[in-house]
Amino acid sequence: MVSDQDEAIANALELLMINQNGIGAAIEELAKWIHERGSTDVAASAVGALEVLDTNAEGIMGVIKLLRT
């Protein structure tokens, strides 16, 4: 059985994850816009930031699952 504290932490992490996904979507749109205007180095840097967000999202999801088991 999941404790109330673990569930509260998992819920908070899930909300942060939703925010992180929104930020990732915004960065992706900006990177596309920047790339279309010829600033490929800056766009590549933004894509690198997206990769970090994706990697961290996997870790956060793992912790959420652990807390809910």
N, C-alpha and C. Protein backbone atom coordinates (compact mmCIF):
# COMPACT_ATOMS: atom_id res chain seq x y z
N MET A 1 0.84 -1.18 0.00
CA MET A 1 0.00 0.00 0.00
C MET A 1 0.89 1.25 0.00
N VAL A 2 0.52 2.21 -0.81
CA VAL A 2 1.27 3.45 -0.94
C VAL A 2 0.89 4.38 0.21
N SER A 3 1.90 4.93 0.87
CA SER A 3 1.61 5.86 1.97
C SER A 3 1.08 7.18 1.41
N ASP A 4 0.39 7.90 2.26
CA ASP A 4 -0.13 9.21 1.84
C ASP A 4 1.01 10.15 1.45
N GLN A 5 2.11 10.07 2.17
CA GLN A 5 3.26 10.92 1.86
C GLN A 5 3.86 10.57 0.50
N ASP A 6 4.01 9.29 0.23
CA ASP A 6 4.55 8.87 -1.07
C ASP A 6 3.63 9.29 -2.20
N GLU A 7 2.31 9.16 -1.97
CA GLU A 7 1.35 9.55 -3.01
C GLU A 7 1.41 11.06 -3.25
N ALA A 8 1.54 11.83 -2.18
CA ALA A 8 1.64 13.30 -2.33
C ALA A 8 2.90 13.68 -3.10
N ILE A 9 4.00 13.01 -2.80
CA ILE A 9 5.25 13.29 -3.51
C ILE A 9 5.11 12.90 -4.98
N ALA A 10 4.53 11.74 -5.24
CA ALA A 10 4.33 11.29 -6.62
C ALA A 10 3.43 12.27 -7.38
N ASN A 11 2.38 12.76 -6.72
CA ASN A 11 1.49 13.73 -7.36
C ASN A 11 2.22 15.02 -7.69
N ALA A 12 3.04 15.49 -6.76
CA ALA A 12 3.81 16.72 -7.00
C ALA A 12 4.80 16.52 -8.14
N LEU A 13 5.47 15.38 -8.17
CA LEU A 13 6.40 15.09 -9.26
C LEU A 13 5.67 15.02 -10.59
N GLU A 14 4.47 14.46 -10.57
CA GLU A 14 3.71 14.36 -11.81
C GLU A 14 3.34 15.75 -12.34
N LEU A 15 2.97 16.67 -11.44
CA LEU A 15 2.68 18.04 -11.86
C LEU A 15 3.93 18.72 -12.43
N LEU A 16 5.06 18.49 -11.79
CA LEU A 16 6.32 19.04 -12.32
C LEU A 16 6.63 18.45 -13.68
N MET A 17 6.32 17.19 -13.85
CA MET A 17 6.54 16.52 -15.13
C MET A 17 5.68 17.14 -16.22
N ILE A 18 4.42 17.44 -15.89
CA ILE A 18 3.53 18.09 -16.85
C ILE A 18 4.09 19.45 -17.24
N ASN A 19 4.57 20.20 -16.25
CA ASN A 19 5.19 21.50 -16.54
C ASN A 19 6.42 21.32 -17.42
N GLN A 20 7.24 20.32 -17.12
CA GLN A 20 8.44 20.08 -17.90
C GLN A 20 8.08 19.74 -19.34
N ASN A 21 7.02 18.97 -19.55
CA ASN A 21 6.59 18.64 -20.91
C ASN A 21 6.15 19.90 -21.66
N GLY A 22 5.47 20.79 -20.97
CA GLY A 22 5.06 22.06 -21.58
C GLY A 22 6.24 22.91 -21.96
N ILE A 23 7.21 22.99 -21.08
CA ILE A 23 8.44 23.75 -21.38
C ILE A 23 9.16 23.13 -22.56
N GLY A 24 9.21 21.79 -22.59
CA GLY A 24 9.86 21.10 -23.71
C GLY A 24 9.17 21.41 -25.03
N ALA A 25 7.84 21.44 -25.02
CA ALA A 25 7.10 21.74 -26.24
C ALA A 25 7.39 23.17 -26.71
N ALA A 26 7.48 24.09 -25.76
CA ALA A 26 7.78 25.47 -26.11
C ALA A 26 9.19 25.60 -26.68
N ILE A 27 10.15 24.92 -26.07
CA ILE A 27 11.53 24.96 -26.57
C ILE A 27 11.59 24.36 -27.98
N GLU A 28 10.85 23.29 -28.18
CA GLU A 28 10.84 22.67 -29.51
C GLU A 28 10.32 23.63 -30.58
N GLU A 29 9.24 24.34 -30.27
CA GLU A 29 8.68 25.31 -31.21
C GLU A 29 9.67 26.45 -31.46
N LEU A 30 10.30 26.93 -30.41
CA LEU A 30 11.29 28.00 -30.57
C LEU A 30 12.49 27.53 -31.38
N ALA A 31 12.94 26.30 -31.13
CA ALA A 31 14.08 25.77 -31.88
C ALA A 31 13.75 25.69 -33.37
N LYS A 32 12.53 25.25 -33.68
CA LYS A 32 12.11 25.18 -35.08
C LYS A 32 12.10 26.58 -35.70
N TRP A 33 11.53 27.53 -34.99
CA TRP A 33 11.45 28.90 -35.46
C TRP A 33 12.85 29.49 -35.68
N ILE A 34 13.74 29.25 -34.75
CA ILE A 34 15.12 29.74 -34.85
C ILE A 34 15.83 29.10 -36.03
N HIS A 35 15.67 27.79 -36.19
CA HIS A 35 16.32 27.07 -37.29
C HIS A 35 15.84 27.59 -38.64
N GLU A 36 14.54 27.86 -38.75
CA GLU A 36 13.98 28.36 -40.01
C GLU A 36 14.56 29.73 -40.38
N ARG A 37 15.07 30.44 -39.41
CA ARG A 37 15.64 31.76 -39.66
C ARG A 37 17.16 31.72 -39.80
N GLY A 38 17.71 30.50 -39.87
CA GLY A 38 19.11 30.34 -40.21
C GLY A 38 20.09 30.25 -39.07
N SER A 39 19.62 30.30 -37.85
CA SER A 39 20.54 30.23 -36.71
C SER A 39 20.64 28.78 -36.23
N THR A 40 21.33 27.98 -37.03
CA THR A 40 21.37 26.54 -36.77
C THR A 40 22.11 26.18 -35.49
N ASP A 41 23.13 26.97 -35.12
CA ASP A 41 23.87 26.68 -33.88
C ASP A 41 22.97 26.85 -32.66
N VAL A 42 22.20 27.92 -32.65
CA VAL A 42 21.30 28.15 -31.52
C VAL A 42 20.21 27.09 -31.50
N ALA A 43 19.69 26.74 -32.65
CA ALA A 43 18.67 25.69 -32.72
C ALA A 43 19.22 24.36 -32.22
N ALA A 44 20.44 24.05 -32.57
CA ALA A 44 21.06 22.81 -32.11
C ALA A 44 21.23 22.81 -30.60
N SER A 45 21.55 23.96 -30.04
CA SER A 45 21.66 24.08 -28.59
C SER A 45 20.32 23.84 -27.92
N ALA A 46 19.25 24.36 -28.50
CA ALA A 46 17.91 24.14 -27.96
C ALA A 46 17.54 22.66 -28.03
N VAL A 47 17.91 22.01 -29.11
CA VAL A 47 17.64 20.57 -29.24
C VAL A 47 18.40 19.81 -28.17
N GLY A 48 19.62 20.23 -27.87
CA GLY A 48 20.38 19.61 -26.79
C GLY A 48 19.67 19.75 -25.45
N ALA A 49 19.08 20.91 -25.22
CA ALA A 49 18.31 21.12 -23.99
C ALA A 49 17.11 20.19 -23.94
N LEU A 50 16.47 19.97 -25.09
CA LEU A 50 15.33 19.05 -25.15
C LEU A 50 15.76 17.62 -24.80
N GLU A 51 16.93 17.23 -25.25
CA GLU A 51 17.42 15.89 -24.95
C GLU A 51 17.63 15.72 -23.45
N VAL A 52 18.12 16.76 -22.78
CA VAL A 52 18.29 16.71 -21.33
C VAL A 52 16.94 16.58 -20.65
N LEU A 53 15.95 17.36 -21.11
CA LEU A 53 14.61 17.26 -20.54
C LEU A 53 14.06 15.85 -20.70
N ASP A 54 14.25 15.25 -21.87
CA ASP A 54 13.76 13.89 -22.11
C ASP A 54 14.43 12.88 -21.19
N THR A 55 15.74 13.00 -21.03
CA THR A 55 16.47 12.09 -20.15
C THR A 55 15.98 12.22 -18.72
N ASN A 56 15.83 13.45 -18.26
CA ASN A 56 15.37 13.68 -16.89
C ASN A 56 13.93 13.22 -16.71
N ALA A 57 13.12 13.33 -17.74
CA ALA A 57 11.72 12.87 -17.66
C ALA A 57 11.66 11.37 -17.38
N GLU A 58 12.54 10.63 -18.00
CA GLU A 58 12.58 9.19 -17.77
C GLU A 58 12.90 8.89 -16.30
N GLY A 59 13.84 9.61 -15.74
CA GLY A 59 14.19 9.42 -14.34
C GLY A 59 13.05 9.80 -13.41
N ILE A 60 12.38 10.90 -13.70
CA ILE A 60 11.26 11.33 -12.88
C ILE A 60 10.13 10.31 -12.93
N MET A 61 9.83 9.80 -14.12
CA MET A 61 8.78 8.79 -14.24
C MET A 61 9.13 7.53 -13.45
N GLY A 62 10.40 7.18 -13.46
CA GLY A 62 10.83 6.01 -12.68
C GLY A 62 10.58 6.20 -11.20
N VAL A 63 10.86 7.39 -10.69
CA VAL A 63 10.64 7.68 -9.28
C VAL A 63 9.15 7.68 -8.96
N ILE A 64 8.34 8.25 -9.85
CA ILE A 64 6.89 8.26 -9.64
C ILE A 64 6.37 6.83 -9.54
N LYS A 65 6.81 5.97 -10.45
CA LYS A 65 6.37 4.57 -10.42
C LYS A 65 6.82 3.88 -9.13
N LEU A 66 8.05 4.15 -8.70
CA LEU A 66 8.57 3.57 -7.48
C LEU A 66 7.75 4.01 -6.27
N LEU A 67 7.43 5.29 -6.21
CA LEU A 67 6.64 5.80 -5.09
C LEU A 67 5.23 5.21 -5.06
N ARG A 68 4.71 4.87 -6.20
CA ARG A 68 3.32 4.38 -6.27
C ARG A 68 3.22 2.86 -6.17
N THR A 69 4.32 2.19 -5.96
CA THR A 69 4.26 0.72 -5.81
C THR A 69 4.29 0.33 -4.36
